Amino acid sequence: MTEYAPTELANVLKNGLLSFPVTPFDDSFAVDENTLREHLEWQSSFDVAGLFVAGGTGEGFSLTPEEASRVSSIAVDTVRDGVPVLGSATGNTAQAVASARAAEDAGVDGLLLLPPYLTETTQEGLLAHVSAVLEATSVSVIVYNRANAHYSAETVAKLAEKHPNFIGFKDAIGDIEHLARVRALNGDRLIYIGGLPTAETYALPLLKMGVSTYSSAMFNFLPEFALDFYGAVRAEDEPKVNRLITDFVLPYLDIRNLGSGYGVSIVKAGLKAVGRPAGSVRPPLRDLSETEQERLTALISGLAN
């Protein structure tokens, strides 16, 4: 497996499409390791710049620490050379530190640091939380600007100045003024990743702000489409991007918006639709209804026509 210095990993990630593989479960909701390996082999056979395992689409919020470590280890052993594997860290500070160390022990190339659990906090608290994780691991870390983890431009700059292994800012809030401030203050010191669901919808306008890449959930079941869309974005082919959004992305969003948590559920439904089932989502999420599944399957089938 390739070892990446922070600047090397950042350069790889910012210049290609990223994705979060699902975590397959069997009928008893245990991690289906064989299906996970098959899925990771398939995903990494494409020209993807990085795979983030045990993350949001991978239902990392439902995995035990042992399961998350195991998923990371399987990914490191399975994903082809040349495709970085990134794990995740979450929970309170002690838990995030522990999960970061476990992911590093599993051999990941980097980490996505998810928001701390439940509580609201201050910028000083976020600075201390992220710093603790960055100091606990030597692997590169990307922070996820989402929910209660809303990092000010100044907090991001302090982290960037102090920690060489802090390489990226992933945004799922979509505050354009805030993103402009973060980008203006930190410049090329960091990479900027689109993390709004579904990221394709916002990819072209954010590219113009320096957000050169994004994480594509639909890459899980339509990798060719996702890569074609990303290529159109990077080429700033606005007519093609708009056509793909109109023909597929917006109807896809119509289904996704039918239920809370469907941003994850619809991805596993997509895998079922293309003949690569990865089991059900774990509670408290739920699968699409039969009617919703049929609607998604028909939409996906229409891409071939």
C-alpha atoms as a PDB file:
ATOM      1  CA  MET A   1       0.000   0.000   0.000  1.00  0.00           C
ATOM      2  CA  THR A   2       1.263   3.483  -0.872  1.00  0.00           C
ATOM      3  CA  GLU A   3       2.321   5.729   1.994  1.00  0.00           C
ATOM      4  CA  TYR A   4       1.466   9.402   1.573  1.00  0.00           C
ATOM      5  CA  ALA A   5       2.976  12.462   3.166  1.00  0.00           C
ATOM      6  CA  PRO A   6       0.290  15.032   4.022  1.00  0.00           C
ATOM      7  CA  THR A   7       0.991  17.207   0.982  1.00  0.00           C
ATOM      8  CA  GLU A   8       1.077  14.152  -1.298  1.00  0.00           C
ATOM      9  CA  LEU A   9      -2.262  12.855  -0.053  1.00  0.00           C
ATOM     10  CA  ALA A  10      -3.842  16.277  -0.372  1.00  0.00           C
ATOM     11  CA  ASN A  11      -2.654  16.576  -3.963  1.00  0.00           C
ATOM     12  CA  VAL A  12      -4.106  13.180  -4.875  1.00  0.00           C
ATOM     13  CA  LEU A  13      -7.466  13.801  -3.214  1.00  0.00           C
ATOM     14  CA  LYS A  14      -8.063  17.274  -4.612  1.00  0.00           C
ATOM     15  CA  ASN A  15      -7.582  16.146  -8.207  1.00  0.00           C
ATOM     16  CA  GLY A  16     -10.141  13.367  -8.486  1.00  0.00           C
ATOM     17  CA  LEU A  17     -13.542  12.128  -7.441  1.00  0.00           C
ATOM     18  CA  LEU A  18     -14.000  10.821  -3.883  1.00  0.00           C
ATOM     19  CA  SER A  19     -16.536   8.368  -2.511  1.00  0.00           C
ATOM     20  CA  PHE A  20     -17.775   6.744   0.693  1.00  0.00           C
ATOM     21  CA  PRO A  21     -18.360   2.997   0.218  1.00  0.00           C
ATOM     22  CA  VAL A  22     -21.352   1.463   1.955  1.00  0.00           C
ATOM     23  CA  THR A  23     -20.862  -1.091   4.711  1.00  0.00           C
ATOM     24  CA  PRO A  24     -22.763  -4.247   3.726  1.00  0.00           C
ATOM     25  CA  PHE A  25     -24.738  -6.071   6.422  1.00  0.00           C
ATOM     26  CA  ASP A  26     -26.146  -9.578   6.445  1.00  0.00           C
ATOM     27  CA  ASP A  27     -29.664 -10.537   7.519  1.00  0.00           C
ATOM     28  CA  SER A  28     -28.706 -10.272  11.211  1.00  0.00           C
ATOM     29  CA  PHE A  29     -27.149  -6.811  10.647  1.00  0.00           C
ATOM     30  CA  ALA A  30     -23.596  -8.082  11.140  1.00  0.00           C
ATOM     31  CA  VAL A  31     -20.934  -6.685   8.820  1.00  0.00           C
ATOM     32  CA  ASP A  32     -20.880  -8.845   5.684  1.00  0.00           C
ATOM     33  CA  GLU A  33     -17.129  -9.010   5.154  1.00  0.00           C
ATOM     34  CA  ASN A  34     -17.196 -10.964   1.900  1.00  0.00           C
ATOM     35  CA  THR A  35     -19.619  -8.537   0.257  1.00  0.00           C
ATOM     36  CA  LEU A  36     -17.576  -5.635   1.637  1.00  0.00           C
ATOM     37  CA  ARG A  37     -14.444  -6.976  -0.050  1.00  0.00           C
ATOM     38  CA  GLU A  38     -16.287  -7.480  -3.332  1.00  0.00           C
ATOM     39  CA  HIS A  39     -17.677  -3.961  -3.174  1.00  0.00           C
ATOM     40  CA  LEU A  40     -14.308  -2.388  -2.388  1.00  0.00           C
ATOM     41  CA  GLU A  41     -12.615  -4.312  -5.193  1.00  0.00           C
ATOM     42  CA  TRP A  42     -15.238  -3.062  -7.630  1.00  0.00           C
ATOM     43  CA  GLN A  43     -15.141   0.513  -6.379  1.00  0.00           C
ATOM     44  CA  SER A  44     -11.361   0.747  -6.493  1.00  0.00           C
ATOM     45  CA  SER A  45     -11.208  -0.704 -10.000  1.00  0.00           C
ATOM     46  CA  PHE A  46     -12.343   2.706 -11.273  1.00  0.00           C
ATOM     47  CA  ASP A  47     -10.393   5.944 -11.489  1.00  0.00           C
ATOM     48  CA  VAL A  48     -11.378   7.228  -8.053  1.00  0.00           C
ATOM     49  CA  ALA A  49      -9.061   9.493  -6.052  1.00  0.00           C
ATOM     50  CA  GLY A  50      -9.902   8.188  -2.588  1.00  0.00           C
ATOM     51  CA  LEU A  51     -12.315   5.982  -0.655  1.00  0.00           C
ATOM     52  CA  PHE A  52     -13.565   6.977   2.805  1.00  0.00           C
ATOM     53  CA  VAL A  53     -14.707   3.906   4.752  1.00  0.00           C
ATOM     54  CA  ALA A  54     -16.858   3.719   7.888  1.00  0.00           C
ATOM     55  CA  GLY A  55     -18.135   7.219   7.139  1.00  0.00           C
ATOM     56  CA  GLY A  56     -21.644   8.580   6.719  1.00  0.00           C
ATOM     57  CA  THR A  57     -22.671   6.520   3.691  1.00  0.00           C
ATOM     58  CA  GLY A  58     -20.848   3.588   5.283  1.00  0.00           C
ATOM     59  CA  GLU A  59     -23.125   3.931   8.329  1.00  0.00           C
ATOM     60  CA  GLY A  60     -20.128   4.614  10.530  1.00  0.00           C
ATOM     61  CA  PHE A  61     -22.496   6.102  13.104  1.00  0.00           C
ATOM     62  CA  SER A  62     -23.966   2.616  13.619  1.00  0.00           C
ATOM     63  CA  LEU A  63     -20.674   0.699  13.790  1.00  0.00           C
ATOM     64  CA  THR A  64     -19.026  -0.336  17.029  1.00  0.00           C
ATOM     65  CA  PRO A  65     -15.391   0.765  17.425  1.00  0.00           C
ATOM     66  CA  GLU A  66     -14.331  -2.803  16.725  1.00  0.00           C
ATOM     67  CA  GLU A  67     -16.435  -2.968  13.564  1.00  0.00           C
ATOM     68  CA  ALA A  68     -15.109   0.367  12.318  1.00  0.00           C
ATOM     69  CA  SER A  69     -11.537  -0.803  12.845  1.00  0.00           C
ATOM     70  CA  ARG A  70     -12.282  -4.071  11.067  1.00  0.00           C
ATOM     71  CA  VAL A  71     -13.892  -2.277   8.104  1.00  0.00           C
ATOM     72  CA  SER A  72     -10.813  -0.037   7.828  1.00  0.00           C
ATOM     73  CA  SER A  73      -8.485  -3.031   7.961  1.00  0.00           C
ATOM     74  CA  ILE A  74     -10.426  -4.879   5.261  1.00  0.00           C
ATOM     75  CA  ALA A  75     -10.355  -1.783   3.066  1.00  0.00           C
ATOM     76  CA  VAL A  76      -6.604  -1.363   3.459  1.00  0.00           C
ATOM     77  CA  ASP A  77      -6.092  -5.001   2.473  1.00  0.00           C
ATOM     78  CA  THR A  78      -8.582  -4.935  -0.419  1.00  0.00           C
ATOM     79  CA  VAL A  79      -8.456  -1.572  -2.182  1.00  0.00           C
ATOM     80  CA  ARG A  80      -5.970  -1.571  -5.045  1.00  0.00           C
ATOM     81  CA  ASP A  81      -2.650   0.241  -4.728  1.00  0.00           C
ATOM     82  CA  GLY A  82      -2.854   3.835  -5.844  1.00  0.00           C
ATOM     83  CA  VAL A  83      -6.254   4.508  -4.259  1.00  0.00           C
ATOM     84  CA  PRO A  84      -5.926   6.064  -0.779  1.00  0.00           C
ATOM     85  CA  VAL A  85      -8.091   4.622   1.980  1.00  0.00           C
ATOM     86  CA  LEU A  86      -9.385   7.015   4.617  1.00  0.00           C
ATOM     87  CA  GLY A  87     -11.118   6.044   7.822  1.00  0.00           C
ATOM     88  CA  SER A  88     -13.238   8.100  10.181  1.00  0.00           C
ATOM     89  CA  ALA A  89     -13.125   9.363  13.738  1.00  0.00           C
ATOM     90  CA  THR A  90     -16.172  10.437  15.709  1.00  0.00           C
ATOM     91  CA  GLY A  91     -17.725  10.751  19.142  1.00  0.00           C
ATOM     92  CA  ASN A  92     -16.461  12.712  22.117  1.00  0.00           C
ATOM     93  CA  THR A  93     -12.804  13.724  22.193  1.00  0.00           C
ATOM     94  CA  ALA A  94     -11.588  10.569  23.931  1.00  0.00           C
ATOM     95  CA  GLN A  95     -13.587   8.394  21.539  1.00  0.00           C
ATOM     96  CA  ALA A  96     -12.391  10.332  18.500  1.00  0.00           C
ATOM     97  CA  VAL A  97      -8.778   9.975  19.623  1.00  0.00           C
ATOM     98  CA  ALA A  98      -9.258   6.239  20.177  1.00  0.00           C
ATOM     99  CA  SER A  99     -10.932   5.718  16.796  1.00  0.00           C
ATOM    100  CA  ALA A 100      -8.230   7.767  15.056  1.00  0.00           C
ATOM    101  CA  ARG A 101      -5.511   5.620  16.594  1.00  0.00           C
ATOM    102  CA  ALA A 102      -7.377   2.421  15.735  1.00  0.00           C
ATOM    103  CA  ALA A 103      -7.768   3.533  12.123  1.00  0.00           C
ATOM    104  CA  GLU A 104      -4.080   4.388  11.933  1.00  0.00           C
ATOM    105  CA  ASP A 105      -3.225   0.959  13.350  1.00  0.00           C
ATOM    106  CA  ALA A 106      -5.426  -0.542  10.622  1.00  0.00           C
ATOM    107  CA  GLY A 107      -3.224   1.180   8.044  1.00  0.00           C
ATOM    108  CA  VAL A 108      -5.422   3.946   6.643  1.00  0.00           C
ATOM    109  CA  ASP A 109      -3.837   6.796   4.701  1.00  0.00           C
ATOM    110  CA  GLY A 110      -5.982   9.498   6.287  1.00  0.00           C
ATOM    111  CA  LEU A 111      -9.026  10.325   8.387  1.00  0.00           C
ATOM    112  CA  LEU A 112     -12.238  12.278   8.196  1.00  0.00           C
ATOM    113  CA  LEU A 113     -13.034  13.806  11.576  1.00  0.00           C
ATOM    114  CA  LEU A 114     -16.795  13.885  12.053  1.00  0.00           C
ATOM    115  CA  PRO A 115     -18.561  16.300  14.433  1.00  0.00           C
ATOM    116  CA  PRO A 116     -18.368  15.599  18.177  1.00  0.00           C
ATOM    117  CA  TYR A 117     -21.407  13.843  19.544  1.00  0.00           C
ATOM    118  CA  LEU A 118     -24.581  15.786  20.370  1.00  0.00           C
ATOM    119  CA  THR A 119     -23.370  18.762  22.380  1.00  0.00           C
ATOM    120  CA  GLU A 120     -23.055  22.325  21.144  1.00  0.00           C
ATOM    121  CA  THR A 121     -19.668  23.918  21.620  1.00  0.00           C
ATOM    122  CA  THR A 122     -17.469  26.985  21.125  1.00  0.00           C
ATOM    123  CA  GLN A 123     -14.654  27.640  18.680  1.00  0.00           C
ATOM    124  CA  GLU A 124     -12.196  27.129  21.546  1.00  0.00           C
ATOM    125  CA  GLY A 125     -13.774  23.770  22.248  1.00  0.00           C
ATOM    126  CA  LEU A 126     -13.631  22.725  18.603  1.00  0.00           C
ATOM    127  CA  LEU A 127     -10.004  23.827  18.397  1.00  0.00           C
ATOM    128  CA  ALA A 128      -9.097  21.700  21.412  1.00  0.00           C
ATOM    129  CA  HIS A 129     -11.119  18.734  20.129  1.00  0.00           C
ATOM    130  CA  VAL A 130      -9.516  18.670  16.690  1.00  0.00           C
ATOM    131  CA  SER A 131      -6.050  19.383  18.065  1.00  0.00           C
ATOM    132  CA  ALA A 132      -6.311  16.377  20.369  1.00  0.00           C
ATOM    133  CA  VAL A 133      -7.059  14.121  17.415  1.00  0.00           C
ATOM    134  CA  LEU A 134      -4.345  15.640  15.225  1.00  0.00           C
ATOM    135  CA  GLU A 135      -1.784  15.198  17.996  1.00  0.00           C
ATOM    136  CA  ALA A 136      -2.857  11.595  18.593  1.00  0.00           C
ATOM    137  CA  THR A 137      -2.159  10.387  15.059  1.00  0.00           C
ATOM    138  CA  SER A 138       0.432  10.878  12.366  1.00  0.00           C
ATOM    139  CA  VAL A 139      -2.001  10.306   9.487  1.00  0.00           C
ATOM    140  CA  SER A 140      -3.545  13.181   7.559  1.00  0.00           C
ATOM    141  CA  VAL A 141      -6.864  14.536   8.823  1.00  0.00           C
ATOM    142  CA  ILE A 142      -9.771  16.314   7.107  1.00  0.00           C
ATOM    143  CA  VAL A 143     -12.371  18.066   9.267  1.00  0.00           C
ATOM    144  CA  TYR A 144     -16.064  17.813   8.441  1.00  0.00           C
ATOM    145  CA  ASN A 145     -17.806  21.180   8.722  1.00  0.00           C
ATOM    146  CA  ARG A 146     -21.275  19.950   9.593  1.00  0.00           C
ATOM    147  CA  ALA A 147     -23.969  20.118  12.274  1.00  0.00           C
ATOM    148  CA  ASN A 148     -22.460  21.279  15.586  1.00  0.00           C
ATOM    149  CA  ALA A 149     -18.922  21.303  14.162  1.00  0.00           C
ATOM    150  CA  HIS A 150     -19.105  24.673  12.408  1.00  0.00           C
ATOM    151  CA  TYR A 151     -15.497  25.827  12.185  1.00  0.00           C
ATOM    152  CA  SER A 152     -14.735  29.524  11.793  1.00  0.00           C
ATOM    153  CA  ALA A 153     -12.138  30.561   9.223  1.00  0.00           C
ATOM    154  CA  GLU A 154      -9.882  31.616  12.106  1.00  0.00           C
ATOM    155  CA  THR A 155     -10.165  28.242  13.862  1.00  0.00           C
ATOM    156  CA  VAL A 156      -9.316  26.474  10.615  1.00  0.00           C
ATOM    157  CA  ALA A 157      -6.288  28.751  10.177  1.00  0.00           C
ATOM    158  CA  LYS A 158      -5.042  28.038  13.714  1.00  0.00           C
ATOM    159  CA  LEU A 159      -5.293  24.305  13.092  1.00  0.00           C
ATOM    160  CA  ALA A 160      -3.508  24.636   9.752  1.00  0.00           C
ATOM    161  CA  GLU A 161      -0.680  26.655  11.286  1.00  0.00           C
ATOM    162  CA  LYS A 162      -0.112  24.273  14.184  1.00  0.00           C
ATOM    163  CA  HIS A 163      -0.660  20.838  12.645  1.00  0.00           C
ATOM    164  CA  PRO A 164       1.088  19.709   9.422  1.00  0.00           C
ATOM    165  CA  ASN A 165      -1.151  16.628   9.219  1.00  0.00           C
ATOM    166  CA  PHE A 166      -4.288  18.791   8.953  1.00  0.00           C
ATOM    167  CA  ILE A 167      -4.905  18.800   5.212  1.00  0.00           C
ATOM    168  CA  GLY A 168      -8.524  19.468   4.372  1.00  0.00           C
ATOM    169  CA  PHE A 169     -11.886  21.098   4.995  1.00  0.00           C
ATOM    170  CA  LYS A 170     -15.038  19.279   3.944  1.00  0.00           C
ATOM    171  CA  ASP A 171     -18.198  21.374   3.965  1.00  0.00           C
ATOM    172  CA  ALA A 172     -21.761  20.121   4.410  1.00  0.00           C
ATOM    173  CA  ILE A 173     -23.360  23.359   5.563  1.00  0.00           C
ATOM    174  CA  GLY A 174     -23.371  25.309   2.314  1.00  0.00           C
ATOM    175  CA  ASP A 175     -22.916  28.798   3.726  1.00  0.00           C
ATOM    176  CA  ILE A 176     -21.258  30.461   0.732  1.00  0.00           C
ATOM    177  CA  GLU A 177     -20.062  33.517   2.652  1.00  0.00           C
ATOM    178  CA  HIS A 178     -18.500  31.316   5.327  1.00  0.00           C
ATOM    179  CA  LEU A 179     -16.851  29.087   2.742  1.00  0.00           C
ATOM    180  CA  ALA A 180     -15.435  32.159   1.009  1.00  0.00           C
ATOM    181  CA  ARG A 181     -13.941  33.328   4.310  1.00  0.00           C
ATOM    182  CA  VAL A 182     -12.351  29.938   4.993  1.00  0.00           C
ATOM    183  CA  ARG A 183     -10.934  29.787   1.467  1.00  0.00           C
ATOM    184  CA  ALA A 184      -9.667  33.390   1.551  1.00  0.00           C
ATOM    185  CA  LEU A 185      -7.886  32.993   4.881  1.00  0.00           C
ATOM    186  CA  ASN A 186      -6.384  29.543   4.282  1.00  0.00           C
ATOM    187  CA  GLY A 187      -5.767  29.556   0.534  1.00  0.00           C
ATOM    188  CA  ASP A 188      -3.909  26.585  -0.894  1.00  0.00           C
ATOM    189  CA  ARG A 189      -2.714  25.406   2.513  1.00  0.00           C
ATOM    190  CA  LEU A 190      -5.759  23.105   2.540  1.00  0.00           C
ATOM    191  CA  ILE A 191      -7.906  21.178   0.117  1.00  0.00           C
ATOM    192  CA  TYR A 192     -11.629  21.905   0.014  1.00  0.00           C
ATOM    193  CA  ILE A 193     -14.144  19.106  -0.444  1.00  0.00           C
ATOM    194  CA  GLY A 194     -17.839  19.420  -1.227  1.00  0.00           C
ATOM    195  CA  GLY A 195     -19.889  17.428   1.249  1.00  0.00           C
ATOM    196  CA  LEU A 196     -23.428  18.671   0.772  1.00  0.00           C
ATOM    197  CA  PRO A 197     -25.912  15.891   0.021  1.00  0.00           C
ATOM    198  CA  THR A 198     -26.176  15.152  -2.910  1.00  0.00           C
ATOM    199  CA  ALA A 199     -22.839  16.762  -3.814  1.00  0.00           C
ATOM    200  CA  GLU A 200     -23.332  16.653  -7.591  1.00  0.00           C
ATOM    201  CA  THR A 201     -26.067  19.271  -7.290  1.00  0.00           C
ATOM    202  CA  TYR A 202     -23.609  21.914  -6.073  1.00  0.00           C
ATOM    203  CA  ALA A 203     -20.388  20.749  -7.697  1.00  0.00           C
ATOM    204  CA  LEU A 204     -20.069  23.235 -10.559  1.00  0.00           C
ATOM    205  CA  PRO A 205     -20.702  26.483  -8.638  1.00  0.00           C
ATOM    206  CA  LEU A 206     -18.453  25.324  -5.791  1.00  0.00           C
ATOM    207  CA  LEU A 207     -15.655  24.519  -8.235  1.00  0.00           C
ATOM    208  CA  LYS A 208     -15.487  28.210  -9.036  1.00  0.00           C
ATOM    209  CA  MET A 209     -14.840  28.869  -5.342  1.00  0.00           C
ATOM    210  CA  GLY A 210     -11.877  26.513  -5.186  1.00  0.00           C
ATOM    211  CA  VAL A 211     -13.739  23.371  -4.102  1.00  0.00           C
ATOM    212  CA  SER A 212     -12.064  21.120  -6.632  1.00  0.00           C
ATOM    213  CA  THR A 213     -13.630  17.839  -5.602  1.00  0.00           C
ATOM    214  CA  TYR A 214     -16.510  16.289  -3.714  1.00  0.00           C
ATOM    215  CA  SER A 215     -17.685  12.981  -2.326  1.00  0.00           C
ATOM    216  CA  SER A 216     -20.135  11.122  -4.538  1.00  0.00           C
ATOM    217  CA  ALA A 217     -22.495   8.695  -2.819  1.00  0.00           C
ATOM    218  CA  MET A 218     -23.931   7.542  -6.142  1.00  0.00           C
ATOM    219  CA  PHE A 219     -20.464   6.357  -7.164  1.00  0.00           C
ATOM    220  CA  ASN A 220     -21.340   3.323  -5.010  1.00  0.00           C
ATOM    221  CA  PHE A 221     -23.812   2.021  -7.594  1.00  0.00           C
ATOM    222  CA  LEU A 222     -23.226   4.138 -10.725  1.00  0.00           C
ATOM    223  CA  PRO A 223     -19.463   4.671 -10.853  1.00  0.00           C
ATOM    224  CA  GLU A 224     -19.354   5.350 -14.598  1.00  0.00           C
ATOM    225  CA  PHE A 225     -22.087   7.984 -14.342  1.00  0.00           C
ATOM    226  CA  ALA A 226     -20.450   9.586 -11.302  1.00  0.00           C
ATOM    227  CA  LEU A 227     -17.076   9.815 -13.052  1.00  0.00           C
ATOM    228  CA  ASP A 228     -18.668  11.179 -16.224  1.00  0.00           C
ATOM    229  CA  PHE A 229     -20.440  13.825 -14.174  1.00  0.00           C
ATOM    230  CA  TYR A 230     -17.224  14.738 -12.343  1.00  0.00           C
ATOM    231  CA  GLY A 231     -15.370  15.039 -15.636  1.00  0.00           C
ATOM    232  CA  ALA A 232     -18.023  17.422 -16.919  1.00  0.00           C
ATOM    233  CA  VAL A 233     -17.706  19.507 -13.762  1.00  0.00           C
ATOM    234  CA  ARG A 234     -13.921  19.749 -13.972  1.00  0.00           C
ATOM    235  CA  ALA A 235     -14.197  20.671 -17.662  1.00  0.00           C
ATOM    236  CA  GLU A 236     -16.788  23.296 -16.666  1.00  0.00           C
ATOM    237  CA  ASP A 237     -19.111  21.834 -19.293  1.00  0.00           C
ATOM    238  CA  GLU A 238     -22.199  23.601 -18.004  1.00  0.00           C
ATOM    239  CA  PRO A 239     -24.656  22.282 -20.643  1.00  0.00           C
ATOM    240  CA  LYS A 240     -23.689  18.682 -19.903  1.00  0.00           C
ATOM    241  CA  VAL A 241     -23.785  19.173 -16.142  1.00  0.00           C
ATOM    242  CA  ASN A 242     -27.226  20.744 -16.376  1.00  0.00           C
ATOM    243  CA  ARG A 243     -28.486  17.936 -18.613  1.00  0.00           C
ATOM    244  CA  LEU A 244     -27.276  15.244 -16.214  1.00  0.00           C
ATOM    245  CA  ILE A 245     -28.769  17.086 -13.256  1.00  0.00           C
ATOM    246  CA  THR A 246     -32.119  17.435 -15.020  1.00  0.00           C
ATOM    247  CA  ASP A 247     -32.244  13.900 -16.388  1.00  0.00           C
ATOM    248  CA  PHE A 248     -31.027  11.983 -13.339  1.00  0.00           C
ATOM    249  CA  VAL A 249     -29.836  13.932 -10.293  1.00  0.00           C
ATOM    250  CA  LEU A 250     -33.035  15.889  -9.628  1.00  0.00           C
ATOM    251  CA  PRO A 251     -35.347  12.854 -10.037  1.00  0.00           C
ATOM    252  CA  TYR A 252     -32.935  10.974  -7.745  1.00  0.00           C
ATOM    253  CA  LEU A 253     -33.232  13.778  -5.176  1.00  0.00           C
ATOM    254  CA  ASP A 254     -37.020  13.596  -5.413  1.00  0.00           C
ATOM    255  CA  ILE A 255     -36.825   9.995  -4.188  1.00  0.00           C
ATOM    256  CA  ARG A 256     -34.135  10.744  -1.593  1.00  0.00           C
ATOM    257  CA  ASN A 257     -36.276  13.505  -0.113  1.00  0.00           C
ATOM    258  CA  LEU A 258     -39.190  11.171   0.572  1.00  0.00           C
ATOM    259  CA  GLY A 259     -37.752  10.099   3.928  1.00  0.00           C
ATOM    260  CA  SER A 260     -35.354  11.277   6.605  1.00  0.00           C
ATOM    261  CA  GLY A 261     -32.074   9.386   6.419  1.00  0.00           C
ATOM    262  CA  TYR A 262     -32.733   8.382   2.829  1.00  0.00           C
ATOM    263  CA  GLY A 263     -29.405   9.912   1.798  1.00  0.00           C
ATOM    264  CA  VAL A 264     -27.887   6.637   3.025  1.00  0.00           C
ATOM    265  CA  SER A 265     -30.821   4.305   2.381  1.00  0.00           C
ATOM    266  CA  ILE A 266     -31.078   5.267  -1.285  1.00  0.00           C
ATOM    267  CA  VAL A 267     -27.474   4.265  -1.896  1.00  0.00           C
ATOM    268  CA  LYS A 268     -28.069   0.714  -0.718  1.00  0.00           C
ATOM    269  CA  ALA A 269     -31.270   0.745  -2.750  1.00  0.00           C
ATOM    270  CA  GLY A 270     -29.200   1.777  -5.762  1.00  0.00           C
ATOM    271  CA  LEU A 271     -26.882  -1.172  -5.238  1.00  0.00           C
ATOM    272  CA  LYS A 272     -29.885  -3.468  -5.088  1.00  0.00           C
ATOM    273  CA  ALA A 273     -31.178  -1.937  -8.322  1.00  0.00           C
ATOM    274  CA  VAL A 274     -27.931  -2.678 -10.208  1.00  0.00           C
ATOM    275  CA  GLY A 275     -27.700  -6.264  -8.936  1.00  0.00           C
ATOM    276  CA  ARG A 276     -25.043  -5.685  -6.262  1.00  0.00           C
ATOM    277  CA  PRO A 277     -27.073  -5.885  -3.030  1.00  0.00           C
ATOM    278  CA  ALA A 278     -25.341  -4.853   0.201  1.00  0.00           C
ATOM    279  CA  GLY A 279     -28.104  -5.685   2.650  1.00  0.00           C
ATOM    280  CA  SER A 280     -30.388  -3.365   4.549  1.00  0.00           C
ATOM    281  CA  VAL A 281     -29.488  -0.223   6.447  1.00  0.00           C
ATOM    282  CA  ARG A 282     -29.243  -0.539  10.206  1.00  0.00           C
ATOM    283  CA  PRO A 283     -31.810   1.072  12.492  1.00  0.00           C
ATOM    284  CA  PRO A 284     -32.613   3.815  13.176  1.00  0.00           C
ATOM    285  CA  LEU A 285     -32.475   4.185   9.380  1.00  0.00           C
ATOM    286  CA  ARG A 286     -34.908   2.235   7.238  1.00  0.00           C
ATOM    287  CA  ASP A 287     -34.875   0.943   3.700  1.00  0.00           C
ATOM    288  CA  LEU A 288     -36.883   2.477   0.883  1.00  0.00           C
ATOM    289  CA  SER A 289     -40.405   1.157   0.518  1.00  0.00           C
ATOM    290  CA  GLU A 290     -41.142  -1.311  -2.256  1.00  0.00           C
ATOM    291  CA  THR A 291     -42.759   1.425  -4.350  1.00  0.00           C
ATOM    292  CA  GLU A 292     -39.815   3.772  -3.797  1.00  0.00           C
ATOM    293  CA  GLN A 293     -37.384   1.006  -4.713  1.00  0.00           C
ATOM    294  CA  GLU A 294     -39.247   0.362  -7.951  1.00  0.00           C
ATOM    295  CA  ARG A 295     -39.174   4.064  -8.769  1.00  0.00           C
ATOM    296  CA  LEU A 296     -35.399   4.226  -8.216  1.00  0.00           C
ATOM    297  CA  THR A 297     -34.797   1.060 -10.238  1.00  0.00           C
ATOM    298  CA  ALA A 298     -36.748   2.499 -13.156  1.00  0.00           C
ATOM    299  CA  LEU A 299     -34.779   5.755 -12.984  1.00  0.00           C
ATOM    300  CA  ILE A 300     -31.464   3.894 -13.026  1.00  0.00           C
ATOM    301  CA  SER A 301     -32.620   1.652 -15.866  1.00  0.00           C
ATOM    302  CA  GLY A 302     -33.459   4.754 -17.872  1.00  0.00           C
ATOM    303  CA  LEU A 303     -29.804   5.769 -17.953  1.00  0.00           C
ATOM    304  CA  ALA A 304     -29.095   2.907 -20.344  1.00  0.00           C
ATOM    305  CA  ASN A 305     -31.770   4.064 -22.801  1.00  0.00           C
END
